[in-house]
Protein backbone atom coordinates (compact mmCIF):
# COMPACT_ATOMS: atom_id res chain seq x y z
CA MET A 1 46.17 -6.77 -17.13
CA ASP A 2 48.95 -7.38 -14.54
CA LEU A 3 49.32 -3.32 -14.32
CA ALA A 4 45.50 -3.19 -13.62
CA PHE A 5 45.97 -5.54 -11.03
CA ASP A 6 48.83 -4.37 -9.23
CA ILE A 7 47.16 -0.85 -9.23
CA LEU A 8 44.00 -2.24 -7.85
CA ALA A 9 45.96 -4.32 -5.20
CA ALA A 10 47.91 -1.30 -4.07
CA THR A 11 44.64 0.84 -3.76
CA LEU A 12 43.05 -2.12 -1.56
CA GLU A 13 46.07 -2.50 0.55
CA SER A 14 46.31 1.08 1.13
CA PRO A 15 45.45 2.52 4.80
CA TRP A 16 43.64 5.30 2.91
CA LEU A 17 41.00 2.70 1.89
CA TYR A 18 38.84 3.14 4.78
CA LEU A 19 38.35 6.75 4.11
CA LEU A 20 37.78 6.16 0.64
CA VAL A 21 34.96 3.58 1.46
CA PHE A 22 33.74 6.17 4.06
CA VAL A 23 33.57 9.03 1.83
CA ILE A 24 32.05 7.04 -1.18
CA ALA A 25 29.18 5.45 1.16
CA GLY A 26 28.25 9.00 2.13
CA LEU A 27 28.46 10.41 -1.28
CA ASP A 28 25.85 7.80 -2.60
CA SER A 29 23.17 9.07 -0.17
CA LEU A 30 23.16 12.09 -1.91
CA PHE A 31 24.33 11.10 -5.42
CA PRO A 32 22.94 7.63 -6.30
CA ILE A 33 25.38 7.41 -9.33
CA VAL A 34 28.14 6.79 -6.72
CA PRO A 35 28.80 2.79 -6.54
CA SER A 36 29.35 2.30 -3.04
CA GLU A 37 28.09 -1.06 -3.00
CA THR A 38 30.45 -2.01 -5.90
CA ILE A 39 33.69 -0.48 -3.83
CA LEU A 40 32.57 -1.94 -0.52
CA ILE A 41 32.13 -5.55 -2.26
CA THR A 42 35.48 -5.27 -4.09
CA ALA A 43 37.20 -4.19 -1.08
CA ALA A 44 35.77 -7.16 1.00
CA ALA A 45 36.58 -9.53 -1.81
CA TYR A 46 40.20 -8.72 -1.78
CA ALA A 47 40.03 -8.81 2.28
CA ALA A 48 40.08 -12.75 1.86
CA THR A 49 43.52 -12.50 1.14
CA GLY A 50 44.31 -10.92 4.52
CA THR A 51 44.33 -7.21 3.79
CA PRO A 52 42.34 -4.78 4.38
CA ASN A 53 40.46 -5.74 7.63
CA PRO A 54 36.65 -6.68 6.87
CA VAL A 55 35.66 -5.29 10.43
CA GLY A 56 37.20 -1.86 9.34
CA LEU A 57 35.56 -2.03 5.95
CA LEU A 58 32.16 -2.66 7.43
CA LEU A 59 32.44 0.43 10.00
CA ALA A 60 33.72 2.73 7.38
CA GLY A 61 30.87 1.74 5.15
CA ALA A 62 28.20 1.77 7.89
CA VAL A 63 29.29 5.04 9.61
CA GLY A 64 29.85 6.70 6.16
CA ALA A 65 26.21 5.72 4.86
CA LEU A 66 24.91 7.03 8.23
CA THR A 67 26.83 10.37 7.74
CA GLY A 68 25.28 10.76 4.14
CA ASP A 69 21.91 9.76 4.94
CA PHE A 70 21.81 12.23 7.64
CA ALA A 71 23.00 15.16 5.47
CA ALA A 72 20.35 14.02 2.88
CA HIS A 73 17.82 13.94 5.52
CA PHE A 74 18.64 17.67 6.36
CA VAL A 75 18.52 18.49 2.83
CA GLY A 76 14.95 17.45 2.86
CA ARG A 77 14.32 19.46 5.83
CA GLY A 78 15.63 22.69 3.89
CA CYS A 79 13.16 21.73 0.98
CA GLY A 80 9.98 22.80 3.07
CA SER A 81 9.20 25.76 0.92
CA LEU A 82 9.43 23.72 -2.37
CA ALA A 83 7.27 21.08 -1.04
CA SER A 84 4.54 23.84 -0.14
CA ARG A 85 4.61 24.85 -3.64
CA TRP A 86 4.53 21.51 -5.00
CA THR A 87 1.56 20.46 -3.00
CA ARG A 88 -0.65 23.23 -4.20
CA ARG A 89 -1.59 20.57 -6.78
CA PRO A 90 -4.35 18.45 -5.55
CA ARG A 91 -2.58 15.18 -6.87
CA ALA A 92 0.86 15.94 -5.08
CA ARG A 93 -1.05 17.01 -2.12
CA ARG A 94 -2.60 13.60 -1.81
CA LEU A 95 0.64 12.02 -2.49
CA LEU A 96 2.38 13.81 0.16
CA GLU A 97 -0.61 12.88 2.74
CA ARG A 98 -0.32 9.11 1.73
CA THR A 99 3.49 9.29 2.24
CA LYS A 100 3.01 11.11 5.53
CA GLU A 101 0.56 7.79 6.43
CA ILE A 102 3.18 5.57 5.46
CA PHE A 103 5.98 7.24 7.45
CA ALA A 104 3.59 7.49 10.54
CA ARG A 105 2.79 3.87 10.55
CA ARG A 106 6.11 2.02 9.13
CA GLY A 107 8.76 4.75 8.65
CA GLY A 108 11.48 2.96 10.31
CA ALA A 109 10.84 0.08 7.87
CA VAL A 110 10.58 2.29 4.99
CA LEU A 111 14.11 3.85 6.07
CA ILE A 112 15.73 0.27 6.57
CA ALA A 113 14.19 -1.09 3.13
CA GLY A 114 15.19 1.95 1.00
CA ARG A 115 18.65 1.27 2.02
CA PHE A 116 18.40 -1.74 -0.49
CA VAL A 117 16.65 -0.28 -3.10
CA PRO A 118 18.55 1.53 -6.12
CA GLY A 119 17.91 5.36 -5.66
CA GLY A 120 15.83 4.33 -2.50
CA ARG A 121 18.05 5.62 0.09
CA THR A 122 18.00 9.10 -1.45
CA ALA A 123 14.42 9.26 -1.78
CA THR A 124 13.79 7.86 1.63
CA THR A 125 16.02 10.00 3.57
CA VAL A 126 15.33 13.35 1.79
CA THR A 127 11.68 12.76 1.89
CA SER A 128 12.12 11.67 5.59
CA GLY A 129 13.38 15.25 6.07
CA MET A 130 10.56 17.04 4.01
CA LEU A 131 8.07 15.44 6.23
CA LYS A 132 10.27 16.30 9.49
CA TYR A 133 10.34 12.81 10.46
CA PRO A 134 11.87 12.90 14.25
CA VAL A 135 15.61 13.25 14.19
CA PRO A 136 16.12 10.64 17.23
CA ARG A 137 14.04 8.14 15.55
CA PHE A 138 15.27 8.60 11.88
CA LEU A 139 19.00 8.21 13.71
CA ALA A 140 17.90 4.95 15.38
CA PHE A 141 16.37 3.34 12.19
CA ASP A 142 18.52 4.48 9.65
CA ALA A 143 21.63 3.53 11.78
CA ALA A 144 20.11 -0.18 11.76
CA GLY A 145 19.56 -0.07 7.99
CA CYS A 146 23.06 1.19 7.40
CA LEU A 147 24.50 -1.51 9.56
CA ALA A 148 22.49 -4.19 7.71
CA TRP A 149 23.53 -2.65 4.23
CA ALA A 150 27.41 -2.68 5.22
CA LEU A 151 26.89 -6.31 6.66
CA TYR A 152 25.24 -7.61 3.47
CA SER A 153 27.82 -5.66 1.20
CA THR A 154 30.82 -6.85 3.32
CA GLY A 155 29.58 -10.26 3.62
CA ILE A 156 29.03 -10.85 -0.24
CA GLY A 157 32.53 -9.53 -0.87
CA LEU A 158 33.93 -11.93 1.53
CA LEU A 159 32.01 -14.96 0.13
CA GLY A 160 33.11 -14.20 -3.45
CA GLY A 161 36.84 -13.71 -1.93
CA VAL A 162 36.93 -16.91 0.13
CA LEU A 163 35.51 -18.95 -3.02
CA PHE A 164 38.23 -17.62 -5.30
CA GLU A 165 40.88 -17.05 -2.85
CA ASP A 166 43.58 -17.40 -5.35
CA GLN A 167 41.87 -15.26 -8.19
CA PRO A 168 40.64 -12.08 -6.21
CA LEU A 169 39.38 -10.47 -9.35
CA LEU A 170 36.88 -13.76 -10.15
CA GLY A 171 35.83 -13.28 -6.12
CA VAL A 172 35.18 -9.50 -6.93
CA GLY A 173 33.01 -10.23 -10.06
CA LEU A 174 31.09 -13.11 -8.28
CA GLY A 175 30.34 -10.69 -5.29
CA ILE A 176 29.26 -8.03 -7.74
CA GLY A 177 27.00 -10.70 -9.52
CA ILE A 178 25.18 -11.98 -6.60
CA ALA A 179 24.54 -8.36 -5.27
CA LEU A 180 23.08 -7.41 -8.78
CA VAL A 181 21.09 -10.65 -8.94
CA ILE A 182 19.57 -9.81 -5.33
CA THR A 183 18.80 -6.52 -5.92
CA GLY A 184 17.08 -7.36 -9.29
CA VAL A 185 14.75 -9.91 -7.83
CA ALA A 186 13.95 -7.52 -4.58
CA GLU A 187 13.41 -4.52 -7.46
CA LEU A 188 11.17 -6.83 -9.64
CA THR A 189 9.20 -8.15 -6.41
CA ARG A 190 8.33 -4.76 -5.30
CA THR A 191 7.16 -3.74 -8.72
CA LEU A 192 4.76 -6.59 -8.93
CA LEU A 193 3.56 -6.01 -5.64
CA ALA A 194 2.86 -2.65 -6.32
CA ARG A 195 1.25 -3.21 -9.55
CA ARG A 196 -1.13 -5.85 -7.66
CA LYS A 197 -2.04 -3.36 -5.15
CA ALA A 198 -2.64 -0.71 -7.64
CA ARG A 199 -4.93 -3.07 -9.65
CA SER A 200 -6.68 -4.10 -6.61
CA ASP A 201 -7.23 -0.58 -5.28
CA GLY A 202 -8.79 0.13 -8.85
CA ASP A 203 -11.08 -2.82 -8.54
CA ARG A 204 -12.32 -1.52 -5.55
CA THR A 205 -13.18 2.01 -6.58
CA ALA A 206 -14.91 0.55 -9.80
CA HIS A 207 -17.00 -1.48 -7.88
CA ARG A 208 -18.21 0.85 -5.19
CA ASP A 209 -21.75 0.20 -4.12
CA SER A 210 -24.49 2.27 -6.06
CA ALA A 211 -25.71 3.82 -2.91
CA ASP A 212 -22.55 5.68 -2.49
CA TRP A 213 -22.64 7.30 -5.91
CA THR A 214 -22.50 10.81 -4.39
CA VAL A 215 -19.14 10.08 -2.85
CA PRO A 216 -16.10 11.23 -5.05
CA ALA A 217 -13.83 8.39 -5.72
CA VAL A 218 -10.12 8.98 -4.20
CA ASP A 219 -7.41 7.98 -6.19
CA VAL A 220 -5.47 6.08 -3.54
CA ALA A 221 -3.09 4.57 -6.01
CA SER A 222 -1.44 8.14 -6.65
């Protein structure tokens, strides 16, 4: 246990830590299995002891996340031909059109919120590229989302580190636990709201006025 803690402490006190946070935050945008929140929260919890610098961690996380998101956006832009083949199916075409409408009305909110949803950052950034979302607007909104995400992760880590200043590992565990609870509650709320909207849309379709029987139903829930 002492050896593991010594290795962890040596890593967290290394000046290369900021580069590690930058790289992992960037990779997380392209490969959702990379645990960028865990790394940032762990480093921030240990920062309560004096090293590393929490501001440096925040900047490394935010800039790394923005760099990765920008790369994912351009991956989406390169998938135009694939999207064209995919949307030959009527259901897929309706889904794409609905997604376009969502991005047109509140694309900024989608990009910012996607930062806090498991796998959402990859889905929203790649989709924004497929839809040719304007690059200046993408950078502006995504930068705000990345900064908010970095503040959130660093803040949770610092909270855990301050509460358990003499036991950094407990601080790390608390920070990760808080993040998991918040993420779980947010995901549950999103799922319940989506189901409620789907039921509401289904009810409206089922109770159309009989005078409109000639109008084909549109699957708005898809």
